[in-house]
Amino acid sequence: MPRAIRRGSWWRRNGFDPGLSMRVVLDTDIVVAGARSDRGASFQWLLAGLERRVTLLLSVPLCLEYEAVLTRSEHLRATAASAADMRRLVDALVAVAEPVEIKFLWRPDLRDPEDAKVLEVAVNGRADWLLTFNVADLAVAARFGINVGRPGAALRVTRLASDGRKG
């Protein structure tokens, strides 16, 4: 398992609990960033899902994409992890995630057809947040009432909401 996942909980240390009612889809780029570094908001969201502080939503196709991308040689070298370590990370995500059955295919005109996997999980899973670094291409999710944002911005917004502060 990547060393970043083995470390202590940022969420516990900072007293932040967005609650299980927050339903989140992590784009593959967020999972990769979280696995590669424990210093950013991507890691914080990944850990929140693993600790069940948010409800992660996941489909079979998205899970397979996570595994295929995480086990690429460049990510294995960057994390000093093995392919088996990355598969264990994916297994851990599957163990805590709420499975989403894709009943309806939402295929609006997306530049990258691979983005449809993430959008379909968000729509069919009634996500509150779709976290991605590819905000421009996935902004269409807002049509379905889903917040789309980068992990850092989403963390700030949800932290403000959970603290009861405004502004």
Foldseek 3Di string as FASTA:
>chain_A
DQPLLVDDAPCVVVVDQLAAVAEEEEQLVLVLVLSLDNPDLSVNVLNCQLVSSYAYEDEPVRLVVNLVVCQPPVSCVSRVHHSVVSVVSSVSNVVRHDYFDQPDQDCDPAPDSVCSRRLSRCQRVVHQEYEDPPCVRNVVSVVSVHHYYHSVVVVVVSRCVRVVHDD
